[in-house]
Amino acid sequence: MRKRVTNQQEKPSALRELRDNAGLTQAQLAHHLGKDVSTIRRWEKGDEPSMTRSEWKYFCQLIGKSFDDLPEVLSSPSEIPETS
């Protein structure tokens, strides 16, 4: 079995930090959202689109934050207002 080599300076995603700070495992978050753990992993790696609006609302309830308190990096490009 090969060990995956990771960059030790690699910073965890904002989503992972929020989940970790709330004391939730990937498995627990997956259970609450009705998703597979592999989906949570992909979201945290940024490999695929993230949660729906209703999933974000529930996630915010789980971690005890409002959507407005989430880091801007978690906003989807369509939700970021354009500036001139």
PDB file of N, CA and C in Angstrom:
ATOM      1  N   MET A   1       0.849  -1.169   0.000  1.00  0.00           N
ATOM      2  CA  MET A   1       0.000   0.000   0.000  1.00  0.00           C
ATOM      3  C   MET A   1       0.894   1.232   0.000  1.00  0.00           C
ATOM      4  N   ARG A   2       0.597   2.180  -0.906  1.00  0.00           N
ATOM      5  CA  ARG A   2       1.377   3.418  -1.003  1.00  0.00           C
ATOM      6  C   ARG A   2       0.791   4.469  -0.085  1.00  0.00           C
ATOM      7  N   LYS A   3       1.669   5.188   0.572  1.00  0.00           N
ATOM      8  CA  LYS A   3       1.231   6.306   1.392  1.00  0.00           C
ATOM      9  C   LYS A   3       1.159   7.551   0.526  1.00  0.00           C
ATOM     10  N   ARG A   4       0.122   8.326   0.717  1.00  0.00           N
ATOM     11  CA  ARG A   4      -0.020   9.565  -0.024  1.00  0.00           C
ATOM     12  C   ARG A   4       0.872  10.617   0.628  1.00  0.00           C
ATOM     13  N   VAL A   5       1.673  11.246  -0.183  1.00  0.00           N
ATOM     14  CA  VAL A   5       2.546  12.310   0.302  1.00  0.00           C
ATOM     15  C   VAL A   5       1.816  13.630   0.137  1.00  0.00           C
ATOM     16  N   THR A   6       1.716  14.373   1.232  1.00  0.00           N
ATOM     17  CA  THR A   6       1.019  15.656   1.172  1.00  0.00           C
ATOM     18  C   THR A   6       1.976  16.771   1.534  1.00  0.00           C
ATOM     19  N   ASN A   7       1.694  17.918   1.000  1.00  0.00           N
ATOM     20  CA  ASN A   7       2.456  19.105   1.314  1.00  0.00           C
ATOM     21  C   ASN A   7       2.087  19.528   2.729  1.00  0.00           C
ATOM     22  N   GLN A   8       3.054  19.570   3.632  1.00  0.00           N
ATOM     23  CA  GLN A   8       2.759  19.873   5.018  1.00  0.00           C
ATOM     24  C   GLN A   8       2.278  21.302   5.211  1.00  0.00           C
ATOM     25  N   GLN A   9       2.534  22.172   4.242  1.00  0.00           N
ATOM     26  CA  GLN A   9       2.069  23.543   4.349  1.00  0.00           C
ATOM     27  C   GLN A   9       0.683  23.715   3.726  1.00  0.00           C
ATOM     28  N   GLU A  10       0.129  22.648   3.190  1.00  0.00           N
ATOM     29  CA  GLU A  10      -1.186  22.703   2.569  1.00  0.00           C
ATOM     30  C   GLU A  10      -2.230  23.024   3.638  1.00  0.00           C
ATOM     31  N   LYS A  11      -2.989  24.098   3.406  1.00  0.00           N
ATOM     32  CA  LYS A  11      -3.983  24.542   4.367  1.00  0.00           C
ATOM     33  C   LYS A  11      -5.307  23.820   4.107  1.00  0.00           C
ATOM     34  N   PRO A  12      -5.971  23.369   5.189  1.00  0.00           N
ATOM     35  CA  PRO A  12      -7.276  22.731   4.988  1.00  0.00           C
ATOM     36  C   PRO A  12      -8.273  23.719   4.385  1.00  0.00           C
ATOM     37  N   SER A  13      -9.246  23.198   3.672  1.00  0.00           N
ATOM     38  CA  SER A  13     -10.258  24.064   3.073  1.00  0.00           C
ATOM     39  C   SER A  13     -11.072  24.752   4.162  1.00  0.00           C
ATOM     40  N   ALA A  14     -11.698  25.863   3.791  1.00  0.00           N
ATOM     41  CA  ALA A  14     -12.549  26.594   4.734  1.00  0.00           C
ATOM     42  C   ALA A  14     -13.695  25.716   5.211  1.00  0.00           C
ATOM     43  N   LEU A  15     -14.239  24.914   4.311  1.00  0.00           N
ATOM     44  CA  LEU A  15     -15.330  24.018   4.677  1.00  0.00           C
ATOM     45  C   LEU A  15     -14.861  23.013   5.727  1.00  0.00           C
ATOM     46  N   ARG A  16     -13.686  22.442   5.518  1.00  0.00           N
ATOM     47  CA  ARG A  16     -13.154  21.479   6.486  1.00  0.00           C
ATOM     48  C   ARG A  16     -12.890  22.143   7.838  1.00  0.00           C
ATOM     49  N   GLU A  17     -12.328  23.333   7.824  1.00  0.00           N
ATOM     50  CA  GLU A  17     -12.062  24.044   9.074  1.00  0.00           C
ATOM     51  C   GLU A  17     -13.357  24.294   9.847  1.00  0.00           C
ATOM     52  N   LEU A  18     -14.400  24.712   9.153  1.00  0.00           N
ATOM     53  CA  LEU A  18     -15.687  24.937   9.814  1.00  0.00           C
ATOM     54  C   LEU A  18     -16.232  23.638  10.400  1.00  0.00           C
ATOM     55  N   ARG A  19     -16.149  22.566   9.612  1.00  0.00           N
ATOM     56  CA  ARG A  19     -16.632  21.261  10.086  1.00  0.00           C
ATOM     57  C   ARG A  19     -15.835  20.811  11.302  1.00  0.00           C
ATOM     58  N   ASP A  20     -14.503  20.908  11.213  1.00  0.00           N
ATOM     59  CA  ASP A  20     -13.633  20.506  12.327  1.00  0.00           C
ATOM     60  C   ASP A  20     -13.907  21.348  13.578  1.00  0.00           C
ATOM     61  N   ASN A  21     -14.020  22.658  13.401  1.00  0.00           N
ATOM     62  CA  ASN A  21     -14.267  23.547  14.539  1.00  0.00           C
ATOM     63  C   ASN A  21     -15.601  23.266  15.219  1.00  0.00           C
ATOM     64  N   ALA A  22     -16.549  22.734  14.454  1.00  0.00           N
ATOM     65  CA  ALA A  22     -17.852  22.376  15.015  1.00  0.00           C
ATOM     66  C   ALA A  22     -17.821  20.992  15.659  1.00  0.00           C
ATOM     67  N   GLY A  23     -16.672  20.307  15.541  1.00  0.00           N
ATOM     68  CA  GLY A  23     -16.547  18.981  16.149  1.00  0.00           C
ATOM     69  C   GLY A  23     -17.242  17.885  15.369  1.00  0.00           C
ATOM     70  N   LEU A  24     -17.440  18.098  14.079  1.00  0.00           N
ATOM     71  CA  LEU A  24     -18.107  17.103  13.242  1.00  0.00           C
ATOM     72  C   LEU A  24     -17.088  16.349  12.397  1.00  0.00           C
ATOM     73  N   THR A  25     -17.294  15.062  12.265  1.00  0.00           N
ATOM     74  CA  THR A  25     -16.480  14.277  11.343  1.00  0.00           C
ATOM     75  C   THR A  25     -17.121  14.360   9.966  1.00  0.00           C
ATOM     76  N   GLN A  26     -16.375  13.932   8.954  1.00  0.00           N
ATOM     77  CA  GLN A  26     -16.963  13.873   7.609  1.00  0.00           C
ATOM     78  C   GLN A  26     -18.168  12.936   7.606  1.00  0.00           C
ATOM     79  N   ALA A  27     -18.060  11.838   8.329  1.00  0.00           N
ATOM     80  CA  ALA A  27     -19.162  10.864   8.377  1.00  0.00           C
ATOM     81  C   ALA A  27     -20.405  11.468   9.033  1.00  0.00           C
ATOM     82  N   GLN A  28     -20.211  12.234  10.094  1.00  0.00           N
ATOM     83  CA  GLN A  28     -21.354  12.857  10.764  1.00  0.00           C
ATOM     84  C   GLN A  28     -22.020  13.888   9.864  1.00  0.00           C
ATOM     85  N   LEU A  29     -21.212  14.722   9.207  1.00  0.00           N
ATOM     86  CA  LEU A  29     -21.777  15.720   8.307  1.00  0.00           C
ATOM     87  C   LEU A  29     -22.511  15.044   7.157  1.00  0.00           C
ATOM     88  N   ALA A  30     -21.909  14.004   6.600  1.00  0.00           N
ATOM     89  CA  ALA A  30     -22.553  13.256   5.511  1.00  0.00           C
ATOM     90  C   ALA A  30     -23.900  12.712   5.968  1.00  0.00           C
ATOM     91  N   HIS A  31     -23.948  12.157   7.156  1.00  0.00           N
ATOM     92  CA  HIS A  31     -25.201  11.606   7.694  1.00  0.00           C
ATOM     93  C   HIS A  31     -26.267  12.700   7.815  1.00  0.00           C
ATOM     94  N   HIS A  32     -25.890  13.846   8.404  1.00  0.00           N
ATOM     95  CA  HIS A  32     -26.846  14.937   8.596  1.00  0.00           C
ATOM     96  C   HIS A  32     -27.379  15.473   7.278  1.00  0.00           C
ATOM     97  N   LEU A  33     -26.523  15.515   6.251  1.00  0.00           N
ATOM     98  CA  LEU A  33     -26.940  16.066   4.961  1.00  0.00           C
ATOM     99  C   LEU A  33     -27.482  15.007   4.001  1.00  0.00           C
ATOM    100  N   GLY A  34     -27.422  13.743   4.410  1.00  0.00           N
ATOM    101  CA  GLY A  34     -27.911  12.676   3.534  1.00  0.00           C
ATOM    102  C   GLY A  34     -27.018  12.443   2.330  1.00  0.00           C
ATOM    103  N   LYS A  35     -25.714  12.615   2.519  1.00  0.00           N
ATOM    104  CA  LYS A  35     -24.728  12.455   1.448  1.00  0.00           C
ATOM    105  C   LYS A  35     -23.764  11.330   1.792  1.00  0.00           C
ATOM    106  N   ASP A  36     -22.989  10.900   0.800  1.00  0.00           N
ATOM    107  CA  ASP A  36     -21.918   9.944   1.037  1.00  0.00           C
ATOM    108  C   ASP A  36     -20.710  10.690   1.576  1.00  0.00           C
ATOM    109  N   VAL A  37     -19.903  10.001   2.375  1.00  0.00           N
ATOM    110  CA  VAL A  37     -18.676  10.601   2.900  1.00  0.00           C
ATOM    111  C   VAL A  37     -17.773  11.027   1.750  1.00  0.00           C
ATOM    112  N   SER A  38     -17.772  10.268   0.663  1.00  0.00           N
ATOM    113  CA  SER A  38     -16.933  10.625  -0.486  1.00  0.00           C
ATOM    114  C   SER A  38     -17.344  11.980  -1.068  1.00  0.00           C
ATOM    115  N   THR A  39     -18.618  12.315  -0.992  1.00  0.00           N
ATOM    116  CA  THR A  39     -19.084  13.618  -1.466  1.00  0.00           C
ATOM    117  C   THR A  39     -18.524  14.733  -0.585  1.00  0.00           C
ATOM    118  N   ILE A  40     -18.545  14.529   0.720  1.00  0.00           N
ATOM    119  CA  ILE A  40     -18.003  15.521   1.645  1.00  0.00           C
ATOM    120  C   ILE A  40     -16.514  15.714   1.373  1.00  0.00           C
ATOM    121  N   ARG A  41     -15.798  14.615   1.138  1.00  0.00           N
ATOM    122  CA  ARG A  41     -14.363  14.702   0.818  1.00  0.00           C
ATOM    123  C   ARG A  41     -14.131  15.538  -0.437  1.00  0.00           C
ATOM    124  N   ARG A  42     -14.937  15.280  -1.472  1.00  0.00           N
ATOM    125  CA  ARG A  42     -14.782  16.028  -2.726  1.00  0.00           C
ATOM    126  C   ARG A  42     -15.107  17.507  -2.525  1.00  0.00           C
ATOM    127  N   TRP A  43     -16.147  17.805  -1.747  1.00  0.00           N
ATOM    128  CA  TRP A  43     -16.482  19.200  -1.461  1.00  0.00           C
ATOM    129  C   TRP A  43     -15.316  19.884  -0.770  1.00  0.00           C
ATOM    130  N   GLU A  44     -14.724  19.203   0.202  1.00  0.00           N
ATOM    131  CA  GLU A  44     -13.626  19.804   0.965  1.00  0.00           C
ATOM    132  C   GLU A  44     -12.379  19.994   0.110  1.00  0.00           C
ATOM    133  N   LYS A  45     -12.194  19.142  -0.875  1.00  0.00           N
ATOM    134  CA  LYS A  45     -11.052  19.280  -1.774  1.00  0.00           C
ATOM    135  C   LYS A  45     -11.350  20.273  -2.898  1.00  0.00           C
ATOM    136  N   GLY A  46     -12.624  20.649  -3.060  1.00  0.00           N
ATOM    137  CA  GLY A  46     -13.002  21.566  -4.127  1.00  0.00           C
ATOM    138  C   GLY A  46     -13.113  20.881  -5.473  1.00  0.00           C
ATOM    139  N   ASP A  47     -13.283  19.555  -5.465  1.00  0.00           N
ATOM    140  CA  ASP A  47     -13.331  18.791  -6.702  1.00  0.00           C
ATOM    141  C   ASP A  47     -14.685  18.831  -7.407  1.00  0.00           C
ATOM    142  N   GLU A  48     -15.701  19.318  -6.744  1.00  0.00           N
ATOM    143  CA  GLU A  48     -17.020  19.379  -7.382  1.00  0.00           C
ATOM    144  C   GLU A  48     -17.831  20.486  -6.736  1.00  0.00           C
ATOM    145  N   PRO A  49     -18.926  20.872  -7.374  1.00  0.00           N
ATOM    146  CA  PRO A  49     -19.771  21.907  -6.777  1.00  0.00           C
ATOM    147  C   PRO A  49     -20.182  21.513  -5.364  1.00  0.00           C
ATOM    148  N   SER A  50     -20.473  22.500  -4.602  1.00  0.00           N
ATOM    149  CA  SER A  50     -20.762  22.272  -3.194  1.00  0.00           C
ATOM    150  C   SER A  50     -22.263  22.128  -2.949  1.00  0.00           C
ATOM    151  N   MET A  51     -22.673  22.494  -1.775  1.00  0.00           N
ATOM    152  CA  MET A  51     -24.036  22.264  -1.300  1.00  0.00           C
ATOM    153  C   MET A  51     -25.080  23.148  -1.981  1.00  0.00           C
ATOM    154  N   THR A  52     -26.298  22.678  -1.903  1.00  0.00           N
ATOM    155  CA  THR A  52     -27.443  23.477  -2.339  1.00  0.00           C
ATOM    156  C   THR A  52     -27.729  24.517  -1.257  1.00  0.00           C
ATOM    157  N   ARG A  53     -28.576  25.462  -1.566  1.00  0.00           N
ATOM    158  CA  ARG A  53     -28.938  26.495  -0.589  1.00  0.00           C
ATOM    159  C   ARG A  53     -29.512  25.867   0.689  1.00  0.00           C
ATOM    160  N   SER A  54     -30.405  24.904   0.559  1.00  0.00           N
ATOM    161  CA  SER A  54     -30.999  24.290   1.756  1.00  0.00           C
ATOM    162  C   SER A  54     -29.955  23.501   2.554  1.00  0.00           C
ATOM    163  N   GLU A  55     -29.002  22.876   1.859  1.00  0.00           N
ATOM    164  CA  GLU A  55     -27.930  22.170   2.568  1.00  0.00           C
ATOM    165  C   GLU A  55     -27.036  23.161   3.313  1.00  0.00           C
ATOM    166  N   TRP A  56     -26.749  24.315   2.684  1.00  0.00           N
ATOM    167  CA  TRP A  56     -25.958  25.345   3.365  1.00  0.00           C
ATOM    168  C   TRP A  56     -26.675  25.835   4.616  1.00  0.00           C
ATOM    169  N   LYS A  57     -27.989  26.043   4.528  1.00  0.00           N
ATOM    170  CA  LYS A  57     -28.752  26.508   5.690  1.00  0.00           C
ATOM    171  C   LYS A  57     -28.657  25.487   6.824  1.00  0.00           C
ATOM    172  N   TYR A  58     -28.797  24.221   6.490  1.00  0.00           N
ATOM    173  CA  TYR A  58     -28.719  23.184   7.510  1.00  0.00           C
ATOM    174  C   TYR A  58     -27.297  23.088   8.061  1.00  0.00           C
ATOM    175  N   PHE A  59     -26.301  23.195   7.192  1.00  0.00           N
ATOM    176  CA  PHE A  59     -24.903  23.169   7.631  1.00  0.00           C
ATOM    177  C   PHE A  59     -24.660  24.299   8.633  1.00  0.00           C
ATOM    178  N   CYS A  60     -25.162  25.486   8.331  1.00  0.00           N
ATOM    179  CA  CYS A  60     -24.990  26.624   9.242  1.00  0.00           C
ATOM    180  C   CYS A  60     -25.622  26.342  10.606  1.00  0.00           C
ATOM    181  N   GLN A  61     -26.780  25.704  10.609  1.00  0.00           N
ATOM    182  CA  GLN A  61     -27.413  25.324  11.875  1.00  0.00           C
ATOM    183  C   GLN A  61     -26.522  24.340  12.638  1.00  0.00           C
ATOM    184  N   LEU A  62     -25.949  23.380  11.923  1.00  0.00           N
ATOM    185  CA  LEU A  62     -25.105  22.372  12.558  1.00  0.00           C
ATOM    186  C   LEU A  62     -23.861  22.974  13.208  1.00  0.00           C
ATOM    187  N   ILE A  63     -23.282  23.987  12.551  1.00  0.00           N
ATOM    188  CA  ILE A  63     -22.035  24.562  13.065  1.00  0.00           C
ATOM    189  C   ILE A  63     -22.272  25.804  13.925  1.00  0.00           C
ATOM    190  N   GLY A  64     -23.527  26.235  14.036  1.00  0.00           N
ATOM    191  CA  GLY A  64     -23.853  27.367  14.896  1.00  0.00           C
ATOM    192  C   GLY A  64     -23.416  28.717  14.343  1.00  0.00           C
ATOM    193  N   LYS A  65     -23.474  28.879  13.017  1.00  0.00           N
ATOM    194  CA  LYS A  65     -23.120  30.153  12.381  1.00  0.00           C
ATOM    195  C   LYS A  65     -24.203  30.535  11.387  1.00  0.00           C
ATOM    196  N   SER A  66     -24.265  31.834  11.104  1.00  0.00           N
ATOM    197  CA  SER A  66     -25.186  32.269  10.054  1.00  0.00           C
ATOM    198  C   SER A  66     -24.457  32.183   8.714  1.00  0.00           C
ATOM    199  N   PHE A  67     -25.213  32.147   7.631  1.00  0.00           N
ATOM    200  CA  PHE A  67     -24.599  32.069   6.309  1.00  0.00           C
ATOM    201  C   PHE A  67     -23.684  33.266   6.072  1.00  0.00           C
ATOM    202  N   ASP A  68     -24.082  34.431   6.572  1.00  0.00           N
ATOM    203  CA  ASP A  68     -23.277  35.639   6.393  1.00  0.00           C
ATOM    204  C   ASP A  68     -21.942  35.570   7.116  1.00  0.00           C
ATOM    205  N   ASP A  69     -21.828  34.695   8.118  1.00  0.00           N
ATOM    206  CA  ASP A  69     -20.577  34.539   8.866  1.00  0.00           C
ATOM    207  C   ASP A  69     -19.583  33.607   8.174  1.00  0.00           C
ATOM    208  N   LEU A  70     -20.030  32.912   7.125  1.00  0.00           N
ATOM    209  CA  LEU A  70     -19.144  31.974   6.436  1.00  0.00           C
ATOM    210  C   LEU A  70     -18.099  32.731   5.631  1.00  0.00           C
ATOM    211  N   PRO A  71     -16.919  32.142   5.482  1.00  0.00           N
ATOM    212  CA  PRO A  71     -15.882  32.795   4.666  1.00  0.00           C
ATOM    213  C   PRO A  71     -16.353  32.992   3.235  1.00  0.00           C
ATOM    214  N   GLU A  72     -15.928  34.090   2.628  1.00  0.00           N
ATOM    215  CA  GLU A  72     -16.347  34.418   1.269  1.00  0.00           C
ATOM    216  C   GLU A  72     -15.915  33.357   0.261  1.00  0.00           C
ATOM    217  N   VAL A  73     -14.828  32.633   0.551  1.00  0.00           N
ATOM    218  CA  VAL A  73     -14.349  31.611  -0.388  1.00  0.00           C
ATOM    219  C   VAL A  73     -15.361  30.492  -0.583  1.00  0.00           C
ATOM    220  N   LEU A  74     -16.342  30.398   0.304  1.00  0.00           N
ATOM    221  CA  LEU A  74     -17.352  29.353   0.171  1.00  0.00           C
ATOM    222  C   LEU A  74     -18.514  29.773  -0.711  1.00  0.00           C
ATOM    223  N   SER A  75     -18.597  31.036  -1.059  1.00  0.00           N
ATOM    224  CA  SER A  75     -19.671  31.520  -1.929  1.00  0.00           C
ATOM    225  C   SER A  75     -19.451  31.029  -3.346  1.00  0.00           C
ATOM    226  N   SER A  76     -20.523  30.672  -3.986  1.00  0.00           N
ATOM    227  CA  SER A  76     -20.396  30.255  -5.377  1.00  0.00           C
ATOM    228  C   SER A  76     -20.239  31.500  -6.237  1.00  0.00           C
ATOM    229  N   PRO A  77     -19.552  31.382  -7.387  1.00  0.00           N
ATOM    230  CA  PRO A  77     -19.330  32.543  -8.246  1.00  0.00           C
ATOM    231  C   PRO A  77     -20.607  33.259  -8.641  1.00  0.00           C
ATOM    232  N   SER A  78     -21.713  32.545  -8.778  1.00  0.00           N
ATOM    233  CA  SER A  78     -22.973  33.171  -9.179  1.00  0.00           C
ATOM    234  C   SER A  78     -23.561  34.026  -8.067  1.00  0.00           C
ATOM    235  N   GLU A  79     -23.111  33.845  -6.825  1.00  0.00           N
ATOM    236  CA  GLU A  79     -23.641  34.613  -5.719  1.00  0.00           C
ATOM    237  C   GLU A  79     -22.797  35.836  -5.400  1.00  0.00           C
ATOM    238  N   ILE A  80     -21.634  35.964  -6.028  1.00  0.00           N
ATOM    239  CA  ILE A  80     -20.756  37.088  -5.760  1.00  0.00           C
ATOM    240  C   ILE A  80     -21.136  38.225  -6.689  1.00  0.00           C
ATOM    241  N   PRO A  81     -21.494  39.390  -6.120  1.00  0.00           N
ATOM    242  CA  PRO A  81     -21.889  40.508  -6.983  1.00  0.00           C
ATOM    243  C   PRO A  81     -20.717  40.987  -7.834  1.00  0.00           C
ATOM    244  N   GLU A  82     -21.036  41.353  -9.059  1.00  0.00           N
ATOM    245  CA  GLU A  82     -20.000  41.862  -9.955  1.00  0.00           C
ATOM    246  C   GLU A  82     -19.726  43.309  -9.619  1.00  0.00           C
ATOM    247  N   THR A  83     -18.444  43.698  -9.742  1.00  0.00           N
ATOM    248  CA  THR A  83     -18.080  45.091  -9.518  1.00  0.00           C
ATOM    249  C   THR A  83     -17.607  45.698 -10.823  1.00  0.00           C
ATOM    250  N   SER A  84     -17.850  46.985 -10.999  1.00  0.00           N
ATOM    251  CA  SER A  84     -17.445  47.657 -12.233  1.00  0.00           C
ATOM    252  C   SER A  84     -16.137  48.370 -12.061  1.00  0.00           C
TER     253      SER A  84
END
